[in-house]
Full PDB file with SEQRES, HELIX, SHEET, SSBOND, CRYST1, ORIGX, SCALE, CONECT and MASTER records, all heavy atoms in Angstrom:
SEQRES   1 A   37  LYS LYS VAL GLU ASP LEU ILE THR SER CYS LEU HIS GLU          
SEQRES   2 A   37  VAL PHE ASP ASP SER TYR SER VAL GLU PHE GLU TYR GLY          
SEQRES   3 A   37  MET LYS ARG ALA LYS THR SER VAL GLU VAL PHE                  
HELIX    1 AA1 LYS A    2  VAL A   14  1                                  13    
SHEET    1 AA1 2 PHE A  23  LYS A  28  0                                        
SHEET    2 AA1 2 LYS A  31  VAL A  36 -1                                        
CRYST1    1.000    1.000    1.000  90.00  90.00  90.00 P 1           1          
ORIGX1      1.000000  0.000000  0.000000        0.00000                         
ORIGX2      0.000000  1.000000  0.000000        0.00000                         
ORIGX3      0.000000  0.000000  1.000000        0.00000                         
SCALE1      1.000000  0.000000  0.000000        0.00000                         
SCALE2      0.000000  1.000000  0.000000        0.00000                         
SCALE3      0.000000  0.000000  1.000000        0.00000                         
ATOM      1  N   LYS A   1      -7.743 -22.790  19.562  1.00  0.00           N  
ATOM      2  CA  LYS A   1      -8.708 -21.769  20.009  1.00  0.00           C  
ATOM      3  C   LYS A   1      -7.994 -20.465  20.361  1.00  0.00           C  
ATOM      4  O   LYS A   1      -8.452 -19.372  19.979  1.00  0.00           O  
ATOM      5  CB  LYS A   1      -9.450 -22.301  21.241  1.00  0.00           C  
ATOM      6  CG  LYS A   1     -10.482 -21.335  21.834  1.00  0.00           C  
ATOM      7  CD  LYS A   1     -11.688 -21.198  20.940  1.00  0.00           C  
ATOM      8  CE  LYS A   1     -12.873 -20.532  21.632  1.00  0.00           C  
ATOM      9  NZ  LYS A   1     -12.573 -19.249  22.231  1.00  0.00           N  
ATOM     10  N   LYS A   2      -6.855 -20.562  21.059  1.00  0.00           N  
ATOM     11  CA  LYS A   2      -6.121 -19.355  21.455  1.00  0.00           C  
ATOM     12  C   LYS A   2      -5.608 -18.592  20.234  1.00  0.00           C  
ATOM     13  O   LYS A   2      -5.697 -17.365  20.174  1.00  0.00           O  
ATOM     14  CB  LYS A   2      -4.953 -19.722  22.369  1.00  0.00           C  
ATOM     15  CG  LYS A   2      -5.385 -20.171  23.759  1.00  0.00           C  
ATOM     16  CD  LYS A   2      -4.191 -20.557  24.606  1.00  0.00           C  
ATOM     17  CE  LYS A   2      -4.626 -21.028  25.992  1.00  0.00           C  
ATOM     18  NZ  LYS A   2      -3.464 -21.451  26.819  1.00  0.00           N  
ATOM     19  N   VAL A   3      -5.062 -19.326  19.261  1.00  0.00           N  
ATOM     20  CA  VAL A   3      -4.525 -18.676  18.063  1.00  0.00           C  
ATOM     21  C   VAL A   3      -5.653 -18.075  17.233  1.00  0.00           C  
ATOM     22  O   VAL A   3      -5.550 -16.945  16.740  1.00  0.00           O  
ATOM     23  CB  VAL A   3      -3.707 -19.676  17.217  1.00  0.00           C  
ATOM     24  CG1 VAL A   3      -3.257 -19.025  15.916  1.00  0.00           C  
ATOM     25  CG2 VAL A   3      -2.502 -20.175  18.004  1.00  0.00           C  
ATOM     26  N   GLU A   4      -6.751 -18.825  17.101  1.00  0.00           N  
ATOM     27  CA  GLU A   4      -7.905 -18.295  16.361  1.00  0.00           C  
ATOM     28  C   GLU A   4      -8.420 -17.016  17.017  1.00  0.00           C  
ATOM     29  O   GLU A   4      -8.734 -16.035  16.325  1.00  0.00           O  
ATOM     30  CB  GLU A   4      -9.020 -19.347  16.304  1.00  0.00           C  
ATOM     31  CG  GLU A   4      -8.772 -20.476  15.334  1.00  0.00           C  
ATOM     32  CD  GLU A   4      -9.881 -21.523  15.375  1.00  0.00           C  
ATOM     33  OE1 GLU A   4     -10.658 -21.535  16.357  1.00  0.00           O  
ATOM     34  OE2 GLU A   4      -9.962 -22.326  14.434  1.00  0.00           O  
ATOM     35  N   ASP A   5      -8.513 -17.021  18.338  1.00  0.00           N  
ATOM     36  CA  ASP A   5      -9.015 -15.845  19.062  1.00  0.00           C  
ATOM     37  C   ASP A   5      -8.092 -14.645  18.882  1.00  0.00           C  
ATOM     38  O   ASP A   5      -8.556 -13.511  18.707  1.00  0.00           O  
ATOM     39  CB  ASP A   5      -9.165 -16.157  20.548  1.00  0.00           C  
ATOM     40  CG  ASP A   5     -10.327 -17.092  20.828  1.00  0.00           C  
ATOM     41  OD1 ASP A   5     -11.146 -17.312  19.914  1.00  0.00           O  
ATOM     42  OD2 ASP A   5     -10.408 -17.615  21.960  1.00  0.00           O  
ATOM     43  N   LEU A   6      -6.777 -14.901  18.910  1.00  0.00           N  
ATOM     44  CA  LEU A   6      -5.819 -13.808  18.771  1.00  0.00           C  
ATOM     45  C   LEU A   6      -5.915 -13.172  17.390  1.00  0.00           C  
ATOM     46  O   LEU A   6      -5.968 -11.937  17.261  1.00  0.00           O  
ATOM     47  CB  LEU A   6      -4.396 -14.329  19.013  1.00  0.00           C  
ATOM     48  CG  LEU A   6      -3.282 -13.284  18.898  1.00  0.00           C  
ATOM     49  CD1 LEU A   6      -3.468 -12.162  19.914  1.00  0.00           C  
ATOM     50  CD2 LEU A   6      -1.914 -13.931  19.066  1.00  0.00           C  
ATOM     51  N   ILE A   7      -5.950 -14.008  16.356  1.00  0.00           N  
ATOM     52  CA  ILE A   7      -6.014 -13.467  14.990  1.00  0.00           C  
ATOM     53  C   ILE A   7      -7.375 -12.836  14.727  1.00  0.00           C  
ATOM     54  O   ILE A   7      -7.468 -11.795  14.062  1.00  0.00           O  
ATOM     55  CB  ILE A   7      -5.705 -14.570  13.962  1.00  0.00           C  
ATOM     56  CG1 ILE A   7      -4.289 -15.106  14.184  1.00  0.00           C  
ATOM     57  CG2 ILE A   7      -5.845 -14.038  12.540  1.00  0.00           C  
ATOM     58  CD1 ILE A   7      -3.909 -16.266  13.301  1.00  0.00           C  
ATOM     59  N   THR A   8      -8.424 -13.438  15.273  1.00  0.00           N  
ATOM     60  CA  THR A   8      -9.756 -12.849  15.119  1.00  0.00           C  
ATOM     61  C   THR A   8      -9.816 -11.472  15.771  1.00  0.00           C  
ATOM     62  O   THR A   8     -10.453 -10.541  15.243  1.00  0.00           O  
ATOM     63  CB  THR A   8     -10.833 -13.776  15.727  1.00  0.00           C  
ATOM     64  OG1 THR A   8     -10.878 -14.997  14.985  1.00  0.00           O  
ATOM     65  CG2 THR A   8     -12.211 -13.120  15.688  1.00  0.00           C  
ATOM     66  N   SER A   9      -9.131 -11.308  16.905  1.00  0.00           N  
ATOM     67  CA  SER A   9      -9.097  -9.988  17.557  1.00  0.00           C  
ATOM     68  C   SER A   9      -8.415  -8.962  16.655  1.00  0.00           C  
ATOM     69  O   SER A   9      -8.784  -7.778  16.655  1.00  0.00           O  
ATOM     70  CB  SER A   9      -8.378 -10.076  18.900  1.00  0.00           C  
ATOM     71  OG  SER A   9      -6.987 -10.305  18.735  1.00  0.00           O  
ATOM     72  N   CYS A  10      -7.441  -9.409  15.879  1.00  0.00           N  
ATOM     73  CA  CYS A  10      -6.795  -8.504  14.913  1.00  0.00           C  
ATOM     74  C   CYS A  10      -7.788  -8.075  13.837  1.00  0.00           C  
ATOM     75  O   CYS A  10      -7.866  -6.895  13.484  1.00  0.00           O  
ATOM     76  CB  CYS A  10      -5.599  -9.199  14.270  1.00  0.00           C  
ATOM     77  SG  CYS A  10      -4.809  -8.246  12.939  1.00  0.00           S  
ATOM     78  N   LEU A  11      -8.563  -9.038  13.339  1.00  0.00           N  
ATOM     79  CA  LEU A  11      -9.553  -8.715  12.303  1.00  0.00           C  
ATOM     80  C   LEU A  11     -10.626  -7.777  12.842  1.00  0.00           C  
ATOM     81  O   LEU A  11     -11.078  -6.873  12.142  1.00  0.00           O  
ATOM     82  CB  LEU A  11     -10.195 -10.005  11.777  1.00  0.00           C  
ATOM     83  CG  LEU A  11      -9.232 -11.018  11.134  1.00  0.00           C  
ATOM     84  CD1 LEU A  11     -10.003 -12.226  10.615  1.00  0.00           C  
ATOM     85  CD2 LEU A  11      -8.444 -10.378  10.010  1.00  0.00           C  
ATOM     86  N   HIS A  12     -11.019  -7.988  14.095  1.00  0.00           N  
ATOM     87  CA  HIS A  12     -12.004  -7.087  14.709  1.00  0.00           C  
ATOM     88  C   HIS A  12     -11.431  -5.680  14.855  1.00  0.00           C  
ATOM     89  O   HIS A  12     -12.138  -4.688  14.658  1.00  0.00           O  
ATOM     90  CB  HIS A  12     -12.429  -7.613  16.093  1.00  0.00           C  
ATOM     91  CG  HIS A  12     -13.248  -8.856  16.020  1.00  0.00           C  
ATOM     92  ND1 HIS A  12     -13.653  -9.538  17.138  1.00  0.00           N  
ATOM     93  CD2 HIS A  12     -13.743  -9.541  14.960  1.00  0.00           C  
ATOM     94  CE1 HIS A  12     -14.368 -10.589  16.772  1.00  0.00           C  
ATOM     95  NE2 HIS A  12     -14.425 -10.617  15.453  1.00  0.00           N  
ATOM     96  N   GLU A  13     -10.155  -5.596  15.208  1.00  0.00           N  
ATOM     97  CA  GLU A  13      -9.495  -4.305  15.395  1.00  0.00           C  
ATOM     98  C   GLU A  13      -9.371  -3.550  14.076  1.00  0.00           C  
ATOM     99  O   GLU A  13      -9.640  -2.349  13.993  1.00  0.00           O  
ATOM    100  CB  GLU A  13      -8.099  -4.529  15.993  1.00  0.00           C  
ATOM    101  CG  GLU A  13      -7.266  -3.273  16.151  1.00  0.00           C  
ATOM    102  CD  GLU A  13      -7.528  -2.565  17.460  1.00  0.00           C  
ATOM    103  OE1 GLU A  13      -7.965  -3.207  18.424  1.00  0.00           O  
ATOM    104  OE2 GLU A  13      -7.301  -1.337  17.496  1.00  0.00           O  
ATOM    105  N   VAL A  14      -8.973  -4.271  13.034  1.00  0.00           N  
ATOM    106  CA  VAL A  14      -8.688  -3.630  11.744  1.00  0.00           C  
ATOM    107  C   VAL A  14      -9.952  -3.419  10.919  1.00  0.00           C  
ATOM    108  O   VAL A  14     -10.137  -2.364  10.301  1.00  0.00           O  
ATOM    109  CB  VAL A  14      -7.672  -4.473  10.942  1.00  0.00           C  
ATOM    110  CG1 VAL A  14      -7.413  -3.842   9.572  1.00  0.00           C  
ATOM    111  CG2 VAL A  14      -6.368  -4.606  11.720  1.00  0.00           C  
ATOM    112  N   PHE A  15     -10.838  -4.417  10.924  1.00  0.00           N  
ATOM    113  CA  PHE A  15     -12.040  -4.333  10.089  1.00  0.00           C  
ATOM    114  C   PHE A  15     -13.278  -4.155  10.977  1.00  0.00           C  
ATOM    115  O   PHE A  15     -13.561  -3.050  11.410  1.00  0.00           O  
ATOM    116  CB  PHE A  15     -12.149  -5.587   9.212  1.00  0.00           C  
ATOM    117  CG  PHE A  15     -10.973  -5.762   8.281  1.00  0.00           C  
ATOM    118  CD1 PHE A  15      -9.968  -6.664   8.576  1.00  0.00           C  
ATOM    119  CD2 PHE A  15     -10.868  -5.001   7.126  1.00  0.00           C  
ATOM    120  CE1 PHE A  15      -8.873  -6.819   7.738  1.00  0.00           C  
ATOM    121  CE2 PHE A  15      -9.779  -5.143   6.282  1.00  0.00           C  
ATOM    122  CZ  PHE A  15      -8.774  -6.049   6.588  1.00  0.00           C  
ATOM    123  N   ASP A  16     -13.982  -5.241  11.239  1.00  0.00           N  
ATOM    124  CA  ASP A  16     -15.139  -5.161  12.135  1.00  0.00           C  
ATOM    125  C   ASP A  16     -15.417  -6.552  12.696  1.00  0.00           C  
ATOM    126  O   ASP A  16     -14.745  -7.526  12.350  1.00  0.00           O  
ATOM    127  CB  ASP A  16     -16.380  -4.588  11.425  1.00  0.00           C  
ATOM    128  CG  ASP A  16     -16.736  -5.371  10.170  1.00  0.00           C  
ATOM    129  OD1 ASP A  16     -16.997  -6.585  10.297  1.00  0.00           O  
ATOM    130  OD2 ASP A  16     -16.765  -4.782   9.080  1.00  0.00           O  
ATOM    131  N   ASP A  17     -16.450  -6.650  13.540  1.00  0.00           N  
ATOM    132  CA  ASP A  17     -16.720  -7.899  14.248  1.00  0.00           C  
ATOM    133  C   ASP A  17     -17.305  -8.991  13.365  1.00  0.00           C  
ATOM    134  O   ASP A  17     -17.537 -10.113  13.842  1.00  0.00           O  
ATOM    135  CB  ASP A  17     -17.687  -7.641  15.418  1.00  0.00           C  
ATOM    136  CG  ASP A  17     -17.043  -6.805  16.509  1.00  0.00           C  
ATOM    137  OD1 ASP A  17     -15.825  -6.580  16.425  1.00  0.00           O  
ATOM    138  OD2 ASP A  17     -17.764  -6.378  17.436  1.00  0.00           O  
ATOM    139  N   SER A  18     -17.559  -8.695  12.098  1.00  0.00           N  
ATOM    140  CA  SER A  18     -18.127  -9.728  11.214  1.00  0.00           C  
ATOM    141  C   SER A  18     -17.061 -10.704  10.729  1.00  0.00           C  
ATOM    142  O   SER A  18     -17.381 -11.755  10.182  1.00  0.00           O  
ATOM    143  CB  SER A  18     -18.812  -9.071  10.002  1.00  0.00           C  
ATOM    144  OG  SER A  18     -17.860  -8.388   9.187  1.00  0.00           O  
ATOM    145  N   TYR A  19     -15.779 -10.360  10.944  1.00  0.00           N  
ATOM    146  CA  TYR A  19     -14.686 -11.217  10.469  1.00  0.00           C  
ATOM    147  C   TYR A  19     -14.160 -12.108  11.589  1.00  0.00           C  
ATOM    148  O   TYR A  19     -14.096 -11.719  12.750  1.00  0.00           O  
ATOM    149  CB  TYR A  19     -13.528 -10.361   9.943  1.00  0.00           C  
ATOM    150  CG  TYR A  19     -13.806  -9.666   8.640  1.00  0.00           C  
ATOM    151  CD1 TYR A  19     -14.333  -8.379   8.615  1.00  0.00           C  
ATOM    152  CD2 TYR A  19     -13.520 -10.281   7.430  1.00  0.00           C  
ATOM    153  CE1 TYR A  19     -14.584  -7.724   7.423  1.00  0.00           C  
ATOM    154  CE2 TYR A  19     -13.765  -9.633   6.228  1.00  0.00           C  
ATOM    155  CZ  TYR A  19     -14.292  -8.356   6.229  1.00  0.00           C  
ATOM    156  OH  TYR A  19     -14.538  -7.714   5.040  1.00  0.00           O  
ATOM    157  N   SER A  20     -13.756 -13.297  11.203  1.00  0.00           N  
ATOM    158  CA  SER A  20     -13.072 -14.216  12.127  1.00  0.00           C  
ATOM    159  C   SER A  20     -12.183 -15.146  11.304  1.00  0.00           C  
ATOM    160  O   SER A  20     -12.196 -15.111  10.069  1.00  0.00           O  
ATOM    161  CB  SER A  20     -14.088 -15.024  12.950  1.00  0.00           C  
ATOM    162  OG  SER A  20     -14.875 -15.844  12.114  1.00  0.00           O  
ATOM    163  N   VAL A  21     -11.414 -15.963  12.000  1.00  0.00           N  
ATOM    164  CA  VAL A  21     -10.530 -16.907  11.314  1.00  0.00           C  
ATOM    165  C   VAL A  21     -10.726 -18.289  11.934  1.00  0.00           C  
ATOM    166  O   VAL A  21     -11.023 -18.414  13.118  1.00  0.00           O  
ATOM    167  CB  VAL A  21      -9.051 -16.467  11.427  1.00  0.00           C  
ATOM    168  CG1 VAL A  21      -8.554 -16.582  12.856  1.00  0.00           C  
ATOM    169  CG2 VAL A  21      -8.154 -17.279  10.502  1.00  0.00           C  
ATOM    170  N   GLU A  22     -10.613 -19.307  11.105  1.00  0.00           N  
ATOM    171  CA  GLU A  22     -10.761 -20.683  11.559  1.00  0.00           C  
ATOM    172  C   GLU A  22      -9.642 -21.547  10.979  1.00  0.00           C  
ATOM    173  O   GLU A  22      -9.221 -21.344   9.834  1.00  0.00           O  
ATOM    174  CB  GLU A  22     -12.115 -21.278  11.128  1.00  0.00           C  
ATOM    175  CG  GLU A  22     -13.305 -20.716  11.863  1.00  0.00           C  
ATOM    176  CD  GLU A  22     -14.612 -21.379  11.434  1.00  0.00           C  
ATOM    177  OE1 GLU A  22     -14.546 -22.354  10.642  1.00  0.00           O  
ATOM    178  OE2 GLU A  22     -15.678 -20.920  11.874  1.00  0.00           O  
ATOM    179  N   PHE A  23      -9.177 -22.497  11.793  1.00  0.00           N  
ATOM    180  CA  PHE A  23      -8.195 -23.483  11.340  1.00  0.00           C  
ATOM    181  C   PHE A  23      -8.899 -24.831  11.215  1.00  0.00           C  
ATOM    182  O   PHE A  23      -9.710 -25.186  12.054  1.00  0.00           O  
ATOM    183  CB  PHE A  23      -7.037 -23.630  12.330  1.00  0.00           C  
ATOM    184  CG  PHE A  23      -6.211 -22.383  12.491  1.00  0.00           C  
ATOM    185  CD1 PHE A  23      -5.438 -22.195  13.620  1.00  0.00           C  
ATOM    186  CD2 PHE A  23      -6.198 -21.407  11.522  1.00  0.00           C  
ATOM    187  CE1 PHE A  23      -4.671 -21.063  13.781  1.00  0.00           C  
ATOM    188  CE2 PHE A  23      -5.451 -20.262  11.670  1.00  0.00           C  
ATOM    189  CZ  PHE A  23      -4.679 -20.086  12.798  1.00  0.00           C  
ATOM    190  N   GLU A  24      -8.550 -25.560  10.165  1.00  0.00           N  
ATOM    191  CA  GLU A  24      -9.071 -26.912   9.999  1.00  0.00           C  
ATOM    192  C   GLU A  24      -7.913 -27.872   9.811  1.00  0.00           C  
ATOM    193  O   GLU A  24      -7.064 -27.671   8.938  1.00  0.00           O  
ATOM    194  CB  GLU A  24     -10.027 -26.986   8.799  1.00  0.00           C  
ATOM    195  CG  GLU A  24     -11.337 -26.261   9.019  1.00  0.00           C  
ATOM    196  CD  GLU A  24     -12.329 -26.481   7.888  1.00  0.00           C  
ATOM    197  OE1 GLU A  24     -12.003 -27.275   6.959  1.00  0.00           O  
ATOM    198  OE2 GLU A  24     -13.399 -25.865   7.911  1.00  0.00           O  
ATOM    199  N   TYR A  25      -7.878 -28.912  10.660  1.00  0.00           N  
ATOM    200  CA  TYR A  25      -6.819 -29.915  10.583  1.00  0.00           C  
ATOM    201  C   TYR A  25      -7.220 -31.012   9.600  1.00  0.00           C  
ATOM    202  O   TYR A  25      -8.380 -31.384   9.501  1.00  0.00           O  
ATOM    203  CB  TYR A  25      -6.553 -30.536  11.958  1.00  0.00           C  
ATOM    204  CG  TYR A  25      -5.894 -29.595  12.935  1.00  0.00           C  
ATOM    205  CD1 TYR A  25      -6.644 -28.899  13.875  1.00  0.00           C  
ATOM    206  CD2 TYR A  25      -4.522 -29.399  12.917  1.00  0.00           C  
ATOM    207  CE1 TYR A  25      -6.040 -28.035  14.777  1.00  0.00           C  
ATOM    208  CE2 TYR A  25      -3.913 -28.538  13.813  1.00  0.00           C  
ATOM    209  CZ  TYR A  25      -4.681 -27.863  14.740  1.00  0.00           C  
ATOM    210  OH  TYR A  25      -4.092 -27.003  15.620  1.00  0.00           O  
ATOM    211  N   GLY A  26      -6.236 -31.532   8.893  1.00  0.00           N  
ATOM    212  CA  GLY A  26      -6.457 -32.639   7.968  1.00  0.00           C  
ATOM    213  C   GLY A  26      -5.184 -33.444   7.799  1.00  0.00           C  
ATOM    214  O   GLY A  26      -4.186 -33.207   8.485  1.00  0.00           O  
ATOM    215  N   MET A  27      -5.211 -34.396   6.891  1.00  0.00           N  
ATOM    216  CA  MET A  27      -4.049 -35.230   6.608  1.00  0.00           C  
ATOM    217  C   MET A  27      -3.669 -35.099   5.137  1.00  0.00           C  
ATOM    218  O   MET A  27      -4.511 -35.208   4.260  1.00  0.00           O  
ATOM    219  CB  MET A  27      -4.343 -36.697   6.931  1.00  0.00           C  
ATOM    220  CG  MET A  27      -4.582 -36.985   8.403  1.00  0.00           C  
ATOM    221  SD  MET A  27      -3.114 -36.720   9.420  1.00  0.00           S  
ATOM    222  CE  MET A  27      -2.068 -38.063   8.845  1.00  0.00           C  
ATOM    223  N   LYS A  28      -2.387 -34.818   4.887  1.00  0.00           N  
ATOM    224  CA  LYS A  28      -1.857 -34.778   3.532  1.00  0.00           C  
ATOM    225  C   LYS A  28      -0.537 -35.534   3.510  1.00  0.00           C  
ATOM    226  O   LYS A  28       0.374 -35.221   4.259  1.00  0.00           O  
ATOM    227  CB  LYS A  28      -1.632 -33.324   3.077  1.00  0.00           C  
ATOM    228  CG  LYS A  28      -2.921 -32.578   2.747  1.00  0.00           C  
ATOM    229  CD  LYS A  28      -2.614 -31.205   2.175  1.00  0.00           C  
ATOM    230  CE  LYS A  28      -3.891 -30.470   1.807  1.00  0.00           C  
ATOM    231  NZ  LYS A  28      -3.620 -29.110   1.254  1.00  0.00           N  
ATOM    232  N   ARG A  29      -0.488 -36.554   2.651  1.00  0.00           N  
ATOM    233  CA  ARG A  29       0.721 -37.379   2.545  1.00  0.00           C  
ATOM    234  C   ARG A  29       1.134 -37.935   3.905  1.00  0.00           C  
ATOM    235  O   ARG A  29       2.297 -37.876   4.300  1.00  0.00           O  
ATOM    236  CB  ARG A  29       1.870 -36.580   1.926  1.00  0.00           C  
ATOM    237  CG  ARG A  29       1.568 -36.096   0.507  1.00  0.00           C  
ATOM    238  CD  ARG A  29       2.687 -35.248  -0.028  1.00  0.00           C  
ATOM    239  NE  ARG A  29       2.373 -34.727  -1.357  1.00  0.00           N  
ATOM    240  CZ  ARG A  29       3.145 -33.887  -2.049  1.00  0.00           C  
ATOM    241  NH1 ARG A  29       4.277 -33.459  -1.499  1.00  0.00           N  
ATOM    242  NH2 ARG A  29       2.795 -33.475  -3.247  1.00  0.00           N  
ATOM    243  N   ALA A  30       0.137 -38.437   4.637  1.00  0.00           N  
ATOM    244  CA  ALA A  30       0.348 -39.078   5.941  1.00  0.00           C  
ATOM    245  C   ALA A  30       0.880 -38.115   7.002  1.00  0.00           C  
ATOM    246  O   ALA A  30       1.415 -38.534   8.011  1.00  0.00           O  
ATOM    247  CB  ALA A  30       1.284 -40.278   5.812  1.00  0.00           C  
ATOM    248  N   LYS A  31       0.722 -36.813   6.773  1.00  0.00           N  
ATOM    249  CA  LYS A  31       1.146 -35.819   7.749  1.00  0.00           C  
ATOM    250  C   LYS A  31      -0.015 -34.877   8.058  1.00  0.00           C  
ATOM    251  O   LYS A  31      -0.857 -34.611   7.212  1.00  0.00           O  
ATOM    252  CB  LYS A  31       2.341 -35.008   7.227  1.00  0.00           C  
ATOM    253  CG  LYS A  31       3.616 -35.819   7.092  1.00  0.00           C  
ATOM    254  CD  LYS A  31       4.767 -34.918   6.663  1.00  0.00           C  
ATOM    255  CE  LYS A  31       6.069 -35.700   6.572  1.00  0.00           C  
ATOM    256  NZ  LYS A  31       7.210 -34.837   6.148  1.00  0.00           N  
ATOM    257  N   THR A  32      -0.023 -34.393   9.311  1.00  0.00           N  
ATOM    258  CA  THR A  32      -1.067 -33.446   9.702  1.00  0.00           C  
ATOM    259  C   THR A  32      -0.867 -32.116   8.995  1.00  0.00           C  
ATOM    260  O   THR A  32       0.244 -31.593   8.952  1.00  0.00           O  
ATOM    261  CB  THR A  32      -1.045 -33.220  11.228  1.00  0.00           C  
ATOM    262  OG1 THR A  32      -1.216 -34.476  11.890  1.00  0.00           O  
ATOM    263  CG2 THR A  32      -2.159 -32.275  11.649  1.00  0.00           C  
ATOM    264  N   SER A  33      -1.934 -31.590   8.419  1.00  0.00           N  
ATOM    265  CA  SER A  33      -1.869 -30.297   7.747  1.00  0.00           C  
ATOM    266  C   SER A  33      -2.923 -29.367   8.339  1.00  0.00           C  
ATOM    267  O   SER A  33      -3.897 -29.820   8.948  1.00  0.00           O  
ATOM    268  CB  SER A  33      -2.106 -30.462   6.240  1.00  0.00           C  
ATOM    269  OG  SER A  33      -3.418 -30.949   5.997  1.00  0.00           O  
ATOM    270  N   VAL A  34      -2.716 -28.073   8.163  1.00  0.00           N  
ATOM    271  CA  VAL A  34      -3.650 -27.076   8.688  1.00  0.00           C  
ATOM    272  C   VAL A  34      -4.041 -26.119   7.563  1.00  0.00           C  
ATOM    273  O   VAL A  34      -3.169 -25.590   6.871  1.00  0.00           O  
ATOM    274  CB  VAL A  34      -3.023 -26.265   9.848  1.00  0.00           C  
ATOM    275  CG1 VAL A  34      -4.035 -25.257  10.385  1.00  0.00           C  
ATOM    276  CG2 VAL A  34      -2.552 -27.179  10.953  1.00  0.00           C  
ATOM    277  N   GLU A  35      -5.325 -25.962   7.375  1.00  0.00           N  
ATOM    278  CA  GLU A  35      -5.842 -24.990   6.411  1.00  0.00           C  
ATOM    279  C   GLU A  35      -6.382 -23.787   7.179  1.00  0.00           C  
ATOM    280  O   GLU A  35      -7.040 -23.942   8.210  1.00  0.00           O  
ATOM    281  CB  GLU A  35      -6.958 -25.606   5.565  1.00  0.00           C  
ATOM    282  CG  GLU A  35      -6.531 -26.794   4.719  1.00  0.00           C  
ATOM    283  CD  GLU A  35      -5.620 -26.410   3.575  1.00  0.00           C  
ATOM    284  OE1 GLU A  35      -5.573 -25.211   3.227  1.00  0.00           O  
ATOM    285  OE2 GLU A  35      -4.931 -27.305   3.038  1.00  0.00           O  
ATOM    286  N   VAL A  36      -6.065 -22.583   6.699  1.00  0.00           N  
ATOM    287  CA  VAL A  36      -6.501 -21.350   7.350  1.00  0.00           C  
ATOM    288  C   VAL A  36      -7.625 -20.732   6.520  1.00  0.00           C  
ATOM    289  O   VAL A  36      -7.480 -20.542   5.311  1.00  0.00           O  
ATOM    290  CB  VAL A  36      -5.333 -20.350   7.489  1.00  0.00           C  
ATOM    291  CG1 VAL A  36      -5.796 -19.101   8.241  1.00  0.00           C  
ATOM    292  CG2 VAL A  36      -4.151 -21.006   8.199  1.00  0.00           C  
ATOM    293  N   PHE A  37      -8.726 -20.423   7.189  1.00  0.00           N  
ATOM    294  CA  PHE A  37      -9.890 -19.858   6.501  1.00  0.00           C  
ATOM    295  C   PHE A  37     -10.284 -18.527   7.135  1.00  0.00           C  
ATOM    296  O   PHE A  37     -10.231 -18.383   8.363  1.00  0.00           O  
ATOM    297  CB  PHE A  37     -11.088 -20.811   6.591  1.00  0.00           C  
ATOM    298  CG  PHE A  37     -10.914 -22.093   5.831  1.00  0.00           C  
ATOM    299  CD1 PHE A  37     -10.334 -23.194   6.441  1.00  0.00           C  
ATOM    300  CD2 PHE A  37     -11.330 -22.205   4.512  1.00  0.00           C  
ATOM    301  CE1 PHE A  37     -10.171 -24.389   5.755  1.00  0.00           C  
ATOM    302  CE2 PHE A  37     -11.172 -23.391   3.816  1.00  0.00           C  
ATOM    303  CZ  PHE A  37     -10.589 -24.494   4.429  1.00  0.00           C  
TER     304      PHE A  37                                                      
MASTER        0    0    0    1    2    0    0    6  303    1    0    3          
END                                                                             
């Protein structure tokens, strides 16, 4: 949540409030992976 909020604040600063970022956790090859959207 903290990282998403920080990066989203960058998008709000540079572009506008319609942008945000989300992380999704998953498993790949028995290891935790993170996808950035």
